[in-house]
C-alpha atoms as a PDB file:
ATOM      1  CA  MET A   1     -35.590  65.517   8.407  1.00  0.00           C
ATOM      2  CA  LYS A   2     -34.058  65.444  11.897  1.00  0.00           C
ATOM      3  CA  SER A   3     -34.998  61.788  12.316  1.00  0.00           C
ATOM      4  CA  ASN A   4     -33.195  60.881   9.057  1.00  0.00           C
ATOM      5  CA  LEU A   5     -30.069  62.696  10.226  1.00  0.00           C
ATOM      6  CA  LEU A   6     -30.267  60.922  13.574  1.00  0.00           C
ATOM      7  CA  LEU A   7     -30.540  57.530  11.836  1.00  0.00           C
ATOM      8  CA  VAL A   8     -27.510  58.266   9.652  1.00  0.00           C
ATOM      9  CA  ILE A   9     -25.424  59.302  12.672  1.00  0.00           C
ATOM     10  CA  LEU A  10     -26.536  56.222  14.592  1.00  0.00           C
ATOM     11  CA  PHE A  11     -25.650  53.941  11.662  1.00  0.00           C
ATOM     12  CA  PHE A  12     -22.129  55.336  11.303  1.00  0.00           C
ATOM     13  CA  SER A  13     -21.467  55.177  15.030  1.00  0.00           C
ATOM     14  CA  MET A  14     -22.449  51.489  15.012  1.00  0.00           C
ATOM     15  CA  VAL A  15     -20.142  50.773  12.060  1.00  0.00           C
ATOM     16  CA  CYS A  16     -17.237  52.391  13.889  1.00  0.00           C
ATOM     17  CA  THR A  17     -17.975  50.386  17.035  1.00  0.00           C
ATOM     18  CA  PHE A  18     -17.880  47.063  15.206  1.00  0.00           C
ATOM     19  CA  GLY A  19     -14.552  47.926  13.571  1.00  0.00           C
ATOM     20  CA  GLN A  20     -12.611  47.874  16.859  1.00  0.00           C
ATOM     21  CA  ILE A  21     -11.755  44.149  16.913  1.00  0.00           C
ATOM     22  CA  SER A  22      -8.706  43.342  14.793  1.00  0.00           C
ATOM     23  CA  PHE A  23      -6.108  40.642  14.224  1.00  0.00           C
ATOM     24  CA  GLU A  24      -2.767  41.407  15.906  1.00  0.00           C
ATOM     25  CA  LYS A  25       0.708  39.934  15.416  1.00  0.00           C
ATOM     26  CA  ALA A  26       0.969  37.196  18.039  1.00  0.00           C
ATOM     27  CA  TYR A  27       2.095  33.673  18.901  1.00  0.00           C
ATOM     28  CA  PHE A  28       0.939  30.619  20.780  1.00  0.00           C
ATOM     29  CA  ILE A  29       2.713  27.597  22.234  1.00  0.00           C
ATOM     30  CA  ASP A  30       0.888  24.291  21.953  1.00  0.00           C
ATOM     31  CA  ASN A  31       1.008  21.384  24.398  1.00  0.00           C
ATOM     32  CA  ASP A  32       3.933  19.876  22.433  1.00  0.00           C
ATOM     33  CA  ASN A  33       5.974  23.090  23.023  1.00  0.00           C
ATOM     34  CA  ARG A  34       5.751  24.195  19.370  1.00  0.00           C
ATOM     35  CA  LYS A  35       5.644  27.966  18.962  1.00  0.00           C
ATOM     36  CA  THR A  36       3.393  29.208  16.156  1.00  0.00           C
ATOM     37  CA  GLU A  37       3.645  32.761  14.813  1.00  0.00           C
ATOM     38  CA  CYS A  38       0.245  34.014  13.726  1.00  0.00           C
ATOM     39  CA  LEU A  39      -2.328  36.778  13.906  1.00  0.00           C
ATOM     40  CA  ILE A  40      -4.734  36.497  16.854  1.00  0.00           C
ATOM     41  CA  LYS A  41      -8.122  38.170  16.880  1.00  0.00           C
ATOM     42  CA  ASN A  42      -7.804  40.681  19.697  1.00  0.00           C
ATOM     43  CA  GLU A  43     -11.166  40.761  21.422  1.00  0.00           C
ATOM     44  CA  ASP A  44      -9.912  42.886  24.316  1.00  0.00           C
ATOM     45  CA  TRP A  45     -10.680  40.179  26.876  1.00  0.00           C
ATOM     46  CA  LYS A  46     -11.441  41.247  30.435  1.00  0.00           C
ATOM     47  CA  ASN A  47     -10.925  37.694  31.753  1.00  0.00           C
ATOM     48  CA  ASN A  48      -8.916  34.734  30.525  1.00  0.00           C
ATOM     49  CA  PRO A  49     -10.551  33.407  27.350  1.00  0.00           C
ATOM     50  CA  THR A  50     -11.415  29.743  26.903  1.00  0.00           C
ATOM     51  CA  GLU A  51     -10.810  29.998  23.152  1.00  0.00           C
ATOM     52  CA  PHE A  52      -9.423  32.393  20.561  1.00  0.00           C
ATOM     53  CA  ILE A  53      -9.365  32.785  16.800  1.00  0.00           C
ATOM     54  CA  TYR A  54      -6.106  33.016  14.877  1.00  0.00           C
ATOM     55  CA  LYS A  55      -4.811  33.163  11.321  1.00  0.00           C
ATOM     56  CA  PRO A  56      -1.630  31.240  10.509  1.00  0.00           C
ATOM     57  CA  GLU A  57       1.052  33.399   8.864  1.00  0.00           C
ATOM     58  CA  GLY A  58       0.527  33.826   5.133  1.00  0.00           C
ATOM     59  CA  THR A  59      -3.147  32.810   5.068  1.00  0.00           C
ATOM     60  CA  ASP A  60      -6.556  34.390   5.444  1.00  0.00           C
ATOM     61  CA  LEU A  61      -7.980  31.199   6.959  1.00  0.00           C
ATOM     62  CA  SER A  62      -9.349  31.720  10.497  1.00  0.00           C
ATOM     63  CA  VAL A  63      -8.861  28.859  12.968  1.00  0.00           C
ATOM     64  CA  LYS A  64     -10.307  28.454  16.465  1.00  0.00           C
ATOM     65  CA  ALA A  65      -8.027  27.224  19.272  1.00  0.00           C
ATOM     66  CA  THR A  66      -9.002  26.315  22.817  1.00  0.00           C
ATOM     67  CA  ILE A  67      -6.947  26.700  25.956  1.00  0.00           C
ATOM     68  CA  ALA A  68      -7.051  22.914  26.368  1.00  0.00           C
ATOM     69  CA  SER A  69      -4.782  22.584  23.301  1.00  0.00           C
ATOM     70  CA  ILE A  70      -2.243  25.312  24.136  1.00  0.00           C
ATOM     71  CA  LYS A  71       0.061  26.288  27.001  1.00  0.00           C
ATOM     72  CA  GLU A  72       0.400  29.985  26.274  1.00  0.00           C
ATOM     73  CA  PHE A  73      -0.536  32.685  23.826  1.00  0.00           C
ATOM     74  CA  GLY A  74       0.367  36.333  23.580  1.00  0.00           C
ATOM     75  CA  ILE A  75      -0.079  39.418  21.450  1.00  0.00           C
ATOM     76  CA  TYR A  76       3.275  41.113  20.880  1.00  0.00           C
ATOM     77  CA  LYS A  77       2.200  44.710  21.412  1.00  0.00           C
ATOM     78  CA  PHE A  78       0.802  43.847  24.880  1.00  0.00           C
ATOM     79  CA  PRO A  79       3.325  42.718  27.515  1.00  0.00           C
ATOM     80  CA  LYS A  80       2.591  39.769  29.762  1.00  0.00           C
ATOM     81  CA  LYS A  81       1.328  40.615  33.216  1.00  0.00           C
ATOM     82  CA  GLY A  82       4.225  41.319  35.546  1.00  0.00           C
ATOM     83  CA  GLN A  83       6.438  42.572  32.688  1.00  0.00           C
ATOM     84  CA  SER A  84       6.867  46.124  31.461  1.00  0.00           C
END
């Protein structure tokens, strides 16, 4: 009985852990200086990412972008480094 309870607790803790990554209101600027409002999948990067996944406004379609094709991206609720 204790092992079943332990398995149930372990299962629910894993489900909660996987639910931490979400899409946040954001933008990116491409190499042609066009700003795109979108939702970016916030993966809580520790280092600069080489790619990210975003959803254009008004769609549920996920698109992958690489840093080679953009100049800048940002998530609105997180300030840029050096800003407060």
